[in-house]
Amino acid sequence: MTRPVFRFAPSPNGELHLGHAFSALVNAGMAERTGGRLLLRIEDIDATRCTPDFEAGIHRDLAWLGVTFERPARRQSKHFDDYRAMLDRLIADDLVYPSFLSRGAVRAAIAEQEAAGKPWPRDPDGAPLHPPMERVLSHAERSRRIAAGEPFAWRLDVDKACDTVGRSLDWTEWTDERMAASQHETAAPQAWGDVIIARKDVPTSYHLSVVVDDALQGITHVVRGRDLFYATSIHRLLQELLGLPQPTYFHHRLILDAEGRKLSKSLRDTGLAALRGLGKTPADIRGMLGFS
């Protein structure tokens, strides 16, 4: 019988906080309960925000919490060739297109439509969908603009991708961390519009790299926060398009602050290192997170 494989996949763009601790501990607990393996993945494709110091902090914090994982950790920045190979397949199948619209141009298109009294569609996170007009650019025009050095991103043509799959998609979702029950969820990738799959100088994005990494690492159980529940629809679509295996999923509850807001690195919510400096112990952290 194949052992279950779990992963904790933080980005080294800030200090780990209580939300990360909860996710790491849930993954570790589920791996221990099932006799499975726990892997660490460093999601560092954003070279402008990710730093070696933050990466070292991840290792220090996990060691302090008592979360152990198989070594070596996978660092995404060392595996761009893996993502490029999958991107090239999507390009060859004409399922992605180069998008040249600037953020300002997108905002202008949205403002024009909304001024006319027509609401602009938004994704499950509340962000406006990308305008679809670039889907119809000719291949000659695309090639000309790329050769001219215009900045662009590769976007998934989600309608064409769904037509290529030709059927509805779903996934198996565990309903609690003890894996006592599961249910089927129906994917709705078109709710996201034409998401970014890669950029001109970085041959991947979160959506592409996460499904490629999960496949190459043999991940059988993806355990992550509820904020990523809806993104699973895009991941299931990419898995089908690229012939990648489908894990089962568990999207755990989020750790919120006193105002009910999700903890965030960008808002400098108290990190584990700071709590450690205040004298908190790993047992204190577990207690704060509701672990017995």
C-alpha atoms as a PDB file:
ATOM      1  CA  MET A   1       0.000   0.000   0.000  1.00  0.00           C
ATOM      2  CA  THR A   2       1.358   3.425  -0.987  1.00  0.00           C
ATOM      3  CA  ARG A   3       2.018   5.746   1.930  1.00  0.00           C
ATOM      4  CA  PRO A   4       0.157   9.069   1.862  1.00  0.00           C
ATOM      5  CA  VAL A   5       2.341  12.072   1.044  1.00  0.00           C
ATOM      6  CA  PHE A   6       1.614  15.514   2.505  1.00  0.00           C
ATOM      7  CA  ARG A   7       3.399  18.830   2.035  1.00  0.00           C
ATOM      8  CA  PHE A   8       3.765  22.171   3.766  1.00  0.00           C
ATOM      9  CA  ALA A   9       4.565  24.855   1.196  1.00  0.00           C
ATOM     10  CA  PRO A  10       5.327  28.335   2.572  1.00  0.00           C
ATOM     11  CA  SER A  11       6.780  31.263   0.645  1.00  0.00           C
ATOM     12  CA  PRO A  12       9.908  32.914   2.131  1.00  0.00           C
ATOM     13  CA  ASN A  13       8.554  36.441   1.686  1.00  0.00           C
ATOM     14  CA  GLY A  14       7.962  37.173   5.373  1.00  0.00           C
ATOM     15  CA  GLU A  15       7.996  35.568   8.785  1.00  0.00           C
ATOM     16  CA  LEU A  16       5.777  32.592   9.539  1.00  0.00           C
ATOM     17  CA  HIS A  17       2.806  33.505  11.731  1.00  0.00           C
ATOM     18  CA  LEU A  18       0.172  31.563  13.663  1.00  0.00           C
ATOM     19  CA  GLY A  19      -1.731  30.723  10.476  1.00  0.00           C
ATOM     20  CA  HIS A  20       1.344  29.035   9.029  1.00  0.00           C
ATOM     21  CA  ALA A  21       1.945  27.219  12.306  1.00  0.00           C
ATOM     22  CA  PHE A  22      -1.601  25.866  12.220  1.00  0.00           C
ATOM     23  CA  SER A  23      -1.231  24.613   8.644  1.00  0.00           C
ATOM     24  CA  ALA A  24       2.152  23.000   9.355  1.00  0.00           C
ATOM     25  CA  LEU A  25       0.829  21.284  12.478  1.00  0.00           C
ATOM     26  CA  VAL A  26      -2.325  20.046  10.715  1.00  0.00           C
ATOM     27  CA  ASN A  27      -0.209  18.579   7.898  1.00  0.00           C
ATOM     28  CA  ALA A  28       2.164  16.966  10.389  1.00  0.00           C
ATOM     29  CA  GLY A  29      -0.710  15.550  12.398  1.00  0.00           C
ATOM     30  CA  MET A  30      -2.475  14.070   9.385  1.00  0.00           C
ATOM     31  CA  ALA A  31       0.782  12.559   8.120  1.00  0.00           C
ATOM     32  CA  GLU A  32       1.442  10.987  11.517  1.00  0.00           C
ATOM     33  CA  ARG A  33      -2.132   9.717  11.834  1.00  0.00           C
ATOM     34  CA  THR A  34      -2.009   7.992   8.431  1.00  0.00           C
ATOM     35  CA  GLY A  35       1.581   6.750   8.594  1.00  0.00           C
ATOM     36  CA  GLY A  36       2.374   9.127   5.762  1.00  0.00           C
ATOM     37  CA  ARG A  37       5.303  11.273   4.706  1.00  0.00           C
ATOM     38  CA  LEU A  38       5.618  15.045   5.179  1.00  0.00           C
ATOM     39  CA  LEU A  39       7.564  17.129   2.660  1.00  0.00           C
ATOM     40  CA  LEU A  40       8.594  20.784   2.770  1.00  0.00           C
ATOM     41  CA  ARG A  41       8.385  22.923  -0.347  1.00  0.00           C
ATOM     42  CA  ILE A  42       9.819  26.435  -0.487  1.00  0.00           C
ATOM     43  CA  GLU A  43       7.667  28.430  -2.927  1.00  0.00           C
ATOM     44  CA  ASP A  44      10.172  31.099  -3.911  1.00  0.00           C
ATOM     45  CA  ILE A  45       9.374  31.931  -7.543  1.00  0.00           C
ATOM     46  CA  ASP A  46       8.947  35.611  -6.607  1.00  0.00           C
ATOM     47  CA  ALA A  47      12.592  36.660  -6.560  1.00  0.00           C
ATOM     48  CA  THR A  48      11.758  40.252  -5.638  1.00  0.00           C
ATOM     49  CA  ARG A  49      10.096  39.371  -2.318  1.00  0.00           C
ATOM     50  CA  CYS A  50      11.594  36.032  -1.279  1.00  0.00           C
ATOM     51  CA  THR A  51      14.884  36.149   0.629  1.00  0.00           C
ATOM     52  CA  PRO A  52      17.374  33.648   2.105  1.00  0.00           C
ATOM     53  CA  ASP A  53      16.816  35.168   5.550  1.00  0.00           C
ATOM     54  CA  PHE A  54      13.099  34.465   5.463  1.00  0.00           C
ATOM     55  CA  GLU A  55      13.809  30.942   4.168  1.00  0.00           C
ATOM     56  CA  ALA A  56      16.210  30.322   7.064  1.00  0.00           C
ATOM     57  CA  GLY A  57      13.500  31.599   9.398  1.00  0.00           C
ATOM     58  CA  ILE A  58      11.064  28.994   8.073  1.00  0.00           C
ATOM     59  CA  HIS A  59      13.473  26.222   9.000  1.00  0.00           C
ATOM     60  CA  ARG A  60      14.111  27.707  12.453  1.00  0.00           C
ATOM     61  CA  ASP A  61      10.402  28.100  13.195  1.00  0.00           C
ATOM     62  CA  LEU A  62       9.486  24.583  12.060  1.00  0.00           C
ATOM     63  CA  ALA A  63      12.321  23.069  14.106  1.00  0.00           C
ATOM     64  CA  TRP A  64      11.161  25.045  17.152  1.00  0.00           C
ATOM     65  CA  LEU A  65       7.574  23.825  16.684  1.00  0.00           C
ATOM     66  CA  GLY A  66       8.802  20.247  16.401  1.00  0.00           C
ATOM     67  CA  VAL A  67       7.598  19.789  12.825  1.00  0.00           C
ATOM     68  CA  THR A  68       9.929  17.413  10.997  1.00  0.00           C
ATOM     69  CA  PHE A  69       9.947  16.682   7.280  1.00  0.00           C
ATOM     70  CA  GLU A  70      11.898  14.704   4.736  1.00  0.00           C
ATOM     71  CA  ARG A  71      14.977  16.409   3.343  1.00  0.00           C
ATOM     72  CA  PRO A  72      15.960  18.013   1.114  1.00  0.00           C
ATOM     73  CA  ALA A  73      13.186  20.566   0.765  1.00  0.00           C
ATOM     74  CA  ARG A  74      12.146  21.381  -2.800  1.00  0.00           C
ATOM     75  CA  ARG A  75      12.895  24.978  -3.763  1.00  0.00           C
ATOM     76  CA  GLN A  76      10.819  26.132  -6.713  1.00  0.00           C
ATOM     77  CA  SER A  77      13.466  28.555  -7.961  1.00  0.00           C
ATOM     78  CA  LYS A  78      15.694  25.557  -8.764  1.00  0.00           C
ATOM     79  CA  HIS A  79      13.086  23.887 -10.980  1.00  0.00           C
ATOM     80  CA  PHE A  80      12.061  26.437 -13.609  1.00  0.00           C
ATOM     81  CA  ASP A  81      12.828  23.874 -16.332  1.00  0.00           C
ATOM     82  CA  ASP A  82      10.031  21.643 -14.994  1.00  0.00           C
ATOM     83  CA  TYR A  83       7.522  24.472 -15.230  1.00  0.00           C
ATOM     84  CA  ARG A  84       8.800  25.610 -18.622  1.00  0.00           C
ATOM     85  CA  ALA A  85       8.213  22.135 -20.050  1.00  0.00           C
ATOM     86  CA  MET A  86       4.569  22.216 -18.955  1.00  0.00           C
ATOM     87  CA  LEU A  87       4.116  25.786 -20.156  1.00  0.00           C
ATOM     88  CA  ASP A  88       5.466  24.786 -23.562  1.00  0.00           C
ATOM     89  CA  ARG A  89       2.826  22.057 -23.771  1.00  0.00           C
ATOM     90  CA  LEU A  90       0.070  24.563 -23.071  1.00  0.00           C
ATOM     91  CA  ILE A  91       1.502  26.937 -25.673  1.00  0.00           C
ATOM     92  CA  ALA A  92       1.750  24.148 -28.260  1.00  0.00           C
ATOM     93  CA  ASP A  93      -1.872  23.179 -27.586  1.00  0.00           C
ATOM     94  CA  ASP A  94      -2.934  26.832 -28.025  1.00  0.00           C
ATOM     95  CA  LEU A  95      -4.478  26.883 -24.548  1.00  0.00           C
ATOM     96  CA  VAL A  96      -2.633  30.001 -23.367  1.00  0.00           C
ATOM     97  CA  TYR A  97      -2.116  33.368 -25.007  1.00  0.00           C
ATOM     98  CA  PRO A  98       0.214  36.329 -24.395  1.00  0.00           C
ATOM     99  CA  SER A  99      -1.549  39.175 -22.618  1.00  0.00           C
ATOM    100  CA  PHE A 100      -0.097  42.650 -23.165  1.00  0.00           C
ATOM    101  CA  LEU A 101      -2.723  44.777 -21.414  1.00  0.00           C
ATOM    102  CA  SER A 102      -1.289  46.901 -18.630  1.00  0.00           C
ATOM    103  CA  ARG A 103      -3.035  47.208 -15.283  1.00  0.00           C
ATOM    104  CA  GLY A 104      -3.963  50.750 -16.215  1.00  0.00           C
ATOM    105  CA  ALA A 105      -5.595  49.592 -19.452  1.00  0.00           C
ATOM    106  CA  VAL A 106      -7.548  46.935 -17.577  1.00  0.00           C
ATOM    107  CA  ARG A 107      -8.736  49.463 -15.005  1.00  0.00           C
ATOM    108  CA  ALA A 108      -9.823  51.792 -17.815  1.00  0.00           C
ATOM    109  CA  ALA A 109     -11.833  49.042 -19.534  1.00  0.00           C
ATOM    110  CA  ILE A 110     -13.540  48.168 -16.253  1.00  0.00           C
ATOM    111  CA  ALA A 111     -14.302  51.807 -15.466  1.00  0.00           C
ATOM    112  CA  GLU A 112     -15.805  52.364 -18.923  1.00  0.00           C
ATOM    113  CA  GLN A 113     -18.153  49.402 -18.619  1.00  0.00           C
ATOM    114  CA  GLU A 114     -19.177  50.186 -15.063  1.00  0.00           C
ATOM    115  CA  ALA A 115     -19.809  53.847 -16.021  1.00  0.00           C
ATOM    116  CA  ALA A 116     -22.272  52.506 -18.586  1.00  0.00           C
ATOM    117  CA  GLY A 117     -24.111  50.720 -15.791  1.00  0.00           C
ATOM    118  CA  LYS A 118     -22.819  47.242 -16.602  1.00  0.00           C
ATOM    119  CA  PRO A 119     -21.233  45.395 -13.647  1.00  0.00           C
ATOM    120  CA  TRP A 120     -17.828  43.868 -14.338  1.00  0.00           C
ATOM    121  CA  PRO A 121     -17.561  40.159 -13.450  1.00  0.00           C
ATOM    122  CA  ARG A 122     -15.304  39.264 -10.539  1.00  0.00           C
ATOM    123  CA  ASP A 123     -13.529  36.104  -9.400  1.00  0.00           C
ATOM    124  CA  PRO A 124     -14.218  34.254  -6.124  1.00  0.00           C
ATOM    125  CA  ASP A 125     -11.659  36.494  -4.369  1.00  0.00           C
ATOM    126  CA  GLY A 126     -13.468  39.605  -5.537  1.00  0.00           C
ATOM    127  CA  ALA A 127     -10.883  40.695  -8.129  1.00  0.00           C
ATOM    128  CA  PRO A 128     -12.154  41.764 -11.579  1.00  0.00           C
ATOM    129  CA  LEU A 129     -11.805  39.203 -14.349  1.00  0.00           C
ATOM    130  CA  HIS A 130      -9.320  39.937 -17.098  1.00  0.00           C
ATOM    131  CA  PRO A 131     -10.841  41.448 -20.273  1.00  0.00           C
ATOM    132  CA  PRO A 132     -11.118  38.747 -22.964  1.00  0.00           C
ATOM    133  CA  MET A 133     -10.316  40.880 -26.021  1.00  0.00           C
ATOM    134  CA  GLU A 134      -6.719  39.620 -26.350  1.00  0.00           C
ATOM    135  CA  ARG A 135      -7.901  36.081 -27.015  1.00  0.00           C
ATOM    136  CA  VAL A 136      -8.628  37.042 -30.616  1.00  0.00           C
ATOM    137  CA  LEU A 137      -5.269  38.625 -31.490  1.00  0.00           C
ATOM    138  CA  SER A 138      -3.723  36.895 -34.502  1.00  0.00           C
ATOM    139  CA  HIS A 139      -0.633  34.763 -34.030  1.00  0.00           C
ATOM    140  CA  ALA A 140       1.256  37.165 -36.302  1.00  0.00           C
ATOM    141  CA  GLU A 141       0.333  40.141 -34.125  1.00  0.00           C
ATOM    142  CA  ARG A 142       1.288  38.264 -30.968  1.00  0.00           C
ATOM    143  CA  SER A 143       4.645  37.283 -32.443  1.00  0.00           C
ATOM    144  CA  ARG A 144       5.316  40.834 -33.594  1.00  0.00           C
ATOM    145  CA  ARG A 145       4.657  42.307 -30.168  1.00  0.00           C
ATOM    146  CA  ILE A 146       6.725  39.672 -28.378  1.00  0.00           C
ATOM    147  CA  ALA A 147       9.630  40.265 -30.802  1.00  0.00           C
ATOM    148  CA  ALA A 148       9.338  43.998 -30.100  1.00  0.00           C
ATOM    149  CA  GLY A 149       9.992  43.308 -26.433  1.00  0.00           C
ATOM    150  CA  GLU A 150       6.577  44.280 -25.076  1.00  0.00           C
ATOM    151  CA  PRO A 151       5.992  42.974 -21.526  1.00  0.00           C
ATOM    152  CA  PHE A 152       3.364  40.252 -21.342  1.00  0.00           C
ATOM    153  CA  ALA A 153       2.018  37.397 -19.270  1.00  0.00           C
ATOM    154  CA  TRP A 154       0.786  34.019 -20.454  1.00  0.00           C
ATOM    155  CA  ARG A 155      -2.896  33.633 -19.617  1.00  0.00           C
ATOM    156  CA  LEU A 156      -4.982  30.486 -19.734  1.00  0.00           C
ATOM    157  CA  ASP A 157      -7.851  30.621 -22.206  1.00  0.00           C
ATOM    158  CA  VAL A 158     -10.200  29.114 -19.660  1.00  0.00           C
ATOM    159  CA  ASP A 159     -13.140  28.638 -22.043  1.00  0.00           C
ATOM    160  CA  LYS A 160     -11.004  26.796 -24.593  1.00  0.00           C
ATOM    161  CA  ALA A 161      -9.380  24.765 -21.792  1.00  0.00           C
ATOM    162  CA  CYS A 162     -12.775  23.687 -20.457  1.00  0.00           C
ATOM    163  CA  ASP A 163     -13.914  22.781 -23.974  1.00  0.00           C
ATOM    164  CA  THR A 164     -10.735  20.719 -24.413  1.00  0.00           C
ATOM    165  CA  VAL A 165     -11.438  18.730 -21.250  1.00  0.00           C
ATOM    166  CA  GLY A 166     -15.017  18.306 -22.432  1.00  0.00           C
ATOM    167  CA  ARG A 167     -16.586  17.350 -19.120  1.00  0.00           C
ATOM    168  CA  SER A 168     -17.179  18.666 -15.652  1.00  0.00           C
ATOM    169  CA  LEU A 169     -14.412  18.249 -13.101  1.00  0.00           C
ATOM    170  CA  ASP A 170     -14.561  17.496  -9.418  1.00  0.00           C
ATOM    171  CA  TRP A 171     -12.313  16.586  -6.526  1.00  0.00           C
ATOM    172  CA  THR A 172     -12.479  14.700  -3.262  1.00  0.00           C
ATOM    173  CA  GLU A 173     -12.475  16.969  -0.213  1.00  0.00           C
ATOM    174  CA  TRP A 174     -11.883  15.707   3.329  1.00  0.00           C
ATOM    175  CA  THR A 175     -14.312  17.360   5.728  1.00  0.00           C
ATOM    176  CA  ASP A 176     -12.031  17.353   8.786  1.00  0.00           C
ATOM    177  CA  GLU A 177      -8.419  16.767   9.680  1.00  0.00           C
ATOM    178  CA  ARG A 178      -9.143  13.313  11.105  1.00  0.00           C
ATOM    179  CA  MET A 179     -10.215  12.226   7.604  1.00  0.00           C
ATOM    180  CA  ALA A 180     -13.362  10.618   8.985  1.00  0.00           C
ATOM    181  CA  ALA A 181     -15.496  11.641   6.007  1.00  0.00           C
ATOM    182  CA  SER A 182     -15.153  13.132   2.556  1.00  0.00           C
ATOM    183  CA  GLN A 183     -17.334  14.723  -0.076  1.00  0.00           C
ATOM    184  CA  HIS A 184     -17.148  15.535  -3.775  1.00  0.00           C
ATOM    185  CA  GLU A 185     -16.741  19.147  -4.851  1.00  0.00           C
ATOM    186  CA  THR A 186     -17.498  20.385  -8.355  1.00  0.00           C
ATOM    187  CA  ALA A 187     -14.821  22.524  -9.990  1.00  0.00           C
ATOM    188  CA  ALA A 188     -15.806  25.874 -11.505  1.00  0.00           C
ATOM    189  CA  PRO A 189     -12.643  27.144 -13.239  1.00  0.00           C
ATOM    190  CA  GLN A 190     -14.488  29.616 -15.452  1.00  0.00           C
ATOM    191  CA  ALA A 191     -15.332  31.652 -12.353  1.00  0.00           C
ATOM    192  CA  TRP A 192     -11.667  32.748 -12.367  1.00  0.00           C
ATOM    193  CA  GLY A 193     -11.509  33.931 -15.961  1.00  0.00           C
ATOM    194  CA  ASP A 194      -8.200  33.813 -17.834  1.00  0.00           C
ATOM    195  CA  VAL A 195      -5.720  33.459 -14.968  1.00  0.00           C
ATOM    196  CA  ILE A 196      -1.990  34.099 -15.336  1.00  0.00           C
ATOM    197  CA  ILE A 197      -0.050  30.887 -15.947  1.00  0.00           C
ATOM    198  CA  ALA A 198       3.427  32.372 -16.471  1.00  0.00           C
ATOM    199  CA  ARG A 199       5.202  35.662 -17.089  1.00  0.00           C
ATOM    200  CA  LYS A 200       7.620  36.787 -19.764  1.00  0.00           C
ATOM    201  CA  ASP A 201      10.723  36.264 -17.628  1.00  0.00           C
ATOM    202  CA  VAL A 202       9.412  33.669 -15.137  1.00  0.00           C
ATOM    203  CA  PRO A 203       8.022  30.549 -16.822  1.00  0.00           C
ATOM    204  CA  THR A 204       5.427  29.849 -14.154  1.00  0.00           C
ATOM    205  CA  SER A 205       2.925  31.223 -11.666  1.00  0.00           C
ATOM    206  CA  TYR A 206       1.495  29.893  -8.423  1.00  0.00           C
ATOM    207  CA  HIS A 207      -1.214  27.950 -10.275  1.00  0.00           C
ATOM    208  CA  LEU A 208       1.168  26.187 -12.663  1.00  0.00           C
ATOM    209  CA  SER A 209       4.018  25.515 -10.247  1.00  0.00           C
ATOM    210  CA  VAL A 210       1.804  24.087  -7.517  1.00  0.00           C
ATOM    211  CA  VAL A 211       0.217  21.429  -9.735  1.00  0.00           C
ATOM    212  CA  VAL A 212       3.566  20.518 -11.314  1.00  0.00           C
ATOM    213  CA  ASP A 213       5.262  20.266  -7.916  1.00  0.00           C
ATOM    214  CA  ASP A 214       2.456  18.195  -6.425  1.00  0.00           C
ATOM    215  CA  ALA A 215       2.751  15.747  -9.311  1.00  0.00           C
ATOM    216  CA  LEU A 216       6.561  15.520  -9.303  1.00  0.00           C
ATOM    217  CA  GLN A 217       6.677  15.134  -5.516  1.00  0.00           C
ATOM    218  CA  GLY A 218       3.974  12.472  -5.521  1.00  0.00           C
ATOM    219  CA  ILE A 219       1.695  14.472  -3.224  1.00  0.00           C
ATOM    220  CA  THR A 220      -1.435  12.471  -2.460  1.00  0.00           C
ATOM    221  CA  HIS A 221      -3.047  14.844   0.073  1.00  0.00           C
ATOM    222  CA  VAL A 222      -3.052  18.623  -0.365  1.00  0.00           C
ATOM    223  CA  VAL A 223      -3.766  20.251   3.002  1.00  0.00           C
ATOM    224  CA  ARG A 224      -3.977  24.050   2.934  1.00  0.00           C
ATOM    225  CA  GLY A 225      -6.110  26.975   4.090  1.00  0.00           C
ATOM    226  CA  ARG A 226      -9.723  27.612   3.206  1.00  0.00           C
ATOM    227  CA  ASP A 227      -8.653  30.739   1.325  1.00  0.00           C
ATOM    228  CA  LEU A 228      -7.358  28.451  -1.452  1.00  0.00           C
ATOM    229  CA  PHE A 229     -10.504  26.315  -1.716  1.00  0.00           C
ATOM    230  CA  TYR A 230     -11.805  27.996  -4.872  1.00  0.00           C
ATOM    231  CA  ALA A 231      -8.376  28.016  -6.544  1.00  0.00           C
ATOM    232  CA  THR A 232      -8.587  24.211  -6.576  1.00  0.00           C
ATOM    233  CA  SER A 233     -10.925  24.557  -9.553  1.00  0.00           C
ATOM    234  CA  ILE A 234      -8.084  25.993 -11.647  1.00  0.00           C
ATOM    235  CA  HIS A 235      -5.679  23.370 -10.328  1.00  0.00           C
ATOM    236  CA  ARG A 236      -8.028  20.538 -11.278  1.00  0.00           C
ATOM    237  CA  LEU A 237      -8.336  21.988 -14.780  1.00  0.00           C
ATOM    238  CA  LEU A 238      -4.553  22.202 -15.192  1.00  0.00           C
ATOM    239  CA  GLN A 239      -4.137  18.658 -13.886  1.00  0.00           C
ATOM    240  CA  GLU A 240      -6.536  17.381 -16.540  1.00  0.00           C
ATOM    241  CA  LEU A 241      -4.954  19.405 -19.353  1.00  0.00           C
ATOM    242  CA  LEU A 242      -1.431  18.234 -18.454  1.00  0.00           C
ATOM    243  CA  GLY A 243      -2.290  14.634 -17.553  1.00  0.00           C
ATOM    244  CA  LEU A 244      -1.179  15.045 -13.945  1.00  0.00           C
ATOM    245  CA  PRO A 245      -2.468  12.942 -11.030  1.00  0.00           C
ATOM    246  CA  GLN A 246      -5.267  14.266  -8.836  1.00  0.00           C
ATOM    247  CA  PRO A 247      -4.614  14.492  -5.083  1.00  0.00           C
ATOM    248  CA  THR A 248      -7.345  14.583  -2.476  1.00  0.00           C
ATOM    249  CA  TYR A 249      -7.776  17.871  -0.642  1.00  0.00           C
ATOM    250  CA  PHE A 250      -8.481  19.290   2.789  1.00  0.00           C
ATOM    251  CA  HIS A 251      -8.948  23.040   3.153  1.00  0.00           C
ATOM    252  CA  HIS A 252      -8.655  23.755   6.840  1.00  0.00           C
ATOM    253  CA  ARG A 253     -10.055  26.684   8.793  1.00  0.00           C
ATOM    254  CA  LEU A 254      -8.167  29.956   8.849  1.00  0.00           C
ATOM    255  CA  ILE A 255      -6.620  31.604  11.900  1.00  0.00           C
ATOM    256  CA  LEU A 256      -8.155  35.064  12.297  1.00  0.00           C
ATOM    257  CA  ASP A 257      -7.224  38.104  14.337  1.00  0.00           C
ATOM    258  CA  ALA A 258      -9.474  39.841  16.875  1.00  0.00           C
ATOM    259  CA  GLU A 259     -11.246  41.715  14.045  1.00  0.00           C
ATOM    260  CA  GLY A 260     -11.953  38.523  12.114  1.00  0.00           C
ATOM    261  CA  ARG A 261      -9.266  39.209   9.506  1.00  0.00           C
ATOM    262  CA  LYS A 262      -7.051  36.487   8.080  1.00  0.00           C
ATOM    263  CA  LEU A 263      -3.475  36.757   9.328  1.00  0.00           C
ATOM    264  CA  SER A 264      -1.090  38.193   6.748  1.00  0.00           C
ATOM    265  CA  LYS A 265       2.656  38.591   6.289  1.00  0.00           C
ATOM    266  CA  SER A 266       2.153  41.800   4.358  1.00  0.00           C
ATOM    267  CA  LEU A 267       0.308  43.357   7.289  1.00  0.00           C
ATOM    268  CA  ARG A 268       3.119  42.268   9.626  1.00  0.00           C
ATOM    269  CA  ASP A 269       0.980  40.105  11.886  1.00  0.00           C
ATOM    270  CA  THR A 270       2.964  38.799  14.827  1.00  0.00           C
ATOM    271  CA  GLY A 271       5.425  36.174  13.633  1.00  0.00           C
ATOM    272  CA  LEU A 272       6.440  32.997  15.392  1.00  0.00           C
ATOM    273  CA  ALA A 273       9.933  34.397  15.956  1.00  0.00           C
ATOM    274  CA  ALA A 274       8.465  37.379  17.809  1.00  0.00           C
ATOM    275  CA  LEU A 275       6.239  35.132  19.921  1.00  0.00           C
ATOM    276  CA  ARG A 276       9.270  33.001  20.727  1.00  0.00           C
ATOM    277  CA  GLY A 277      11.105  36.162  21.772  1.00  0.00           C
ATOM    278  CA  LEU A 278       8.242  36.982  24.131  1.00  0.00           C
ATOM    279  CA  GLY A 279       8.788  33.682  25.909  1.00  0.00           C
ATOM    280  CA  LYS A 280       6.072  31.620  24.248  1.00  0.00           C
ATOM    281  CA  THR A 281       6.766  27.883  23.987  1.00  0.00           C
ATOM    282  CA  PRO A 282       5.686  25.419  21.283  1.00  0.00           C
ATOM    283  CA  ALA A 283       3.093  24.148  23.754  1.00  0.00           C
ATOM    284  CA  ASP A 284       1.776  27.690  24.118  1.00  0.00           C
ATOM    285  CA  ILE A 285       1.458  27.988  20.340  1.00  0.00           C
ATOM    286  CA  ARG A 286      -0.430  24.712  20.134  1.00  0.00           C
ATOM    287  CA  GLY A 287      -2.763  25.888  22.869  1.00  0.00           C
ATOM    288  CA  MET A 288      -3.371  29.215  21.113  1.00  0.00           C
ATOM    289  CA  LEU A 289      -4.299  27.279  17.966  1.00  0.00           C
ATOM    290  CA  GLY A 290      -6.713  24.920  19.711  1.00  0.00           C
ATOM    291  CA  PHE A 291      -4.610  21.766  19.694  1.00  0.00           C
ATOM    292  CA  SER A 292      -5.009  19.572  22.761  1.00  0.00           C
END
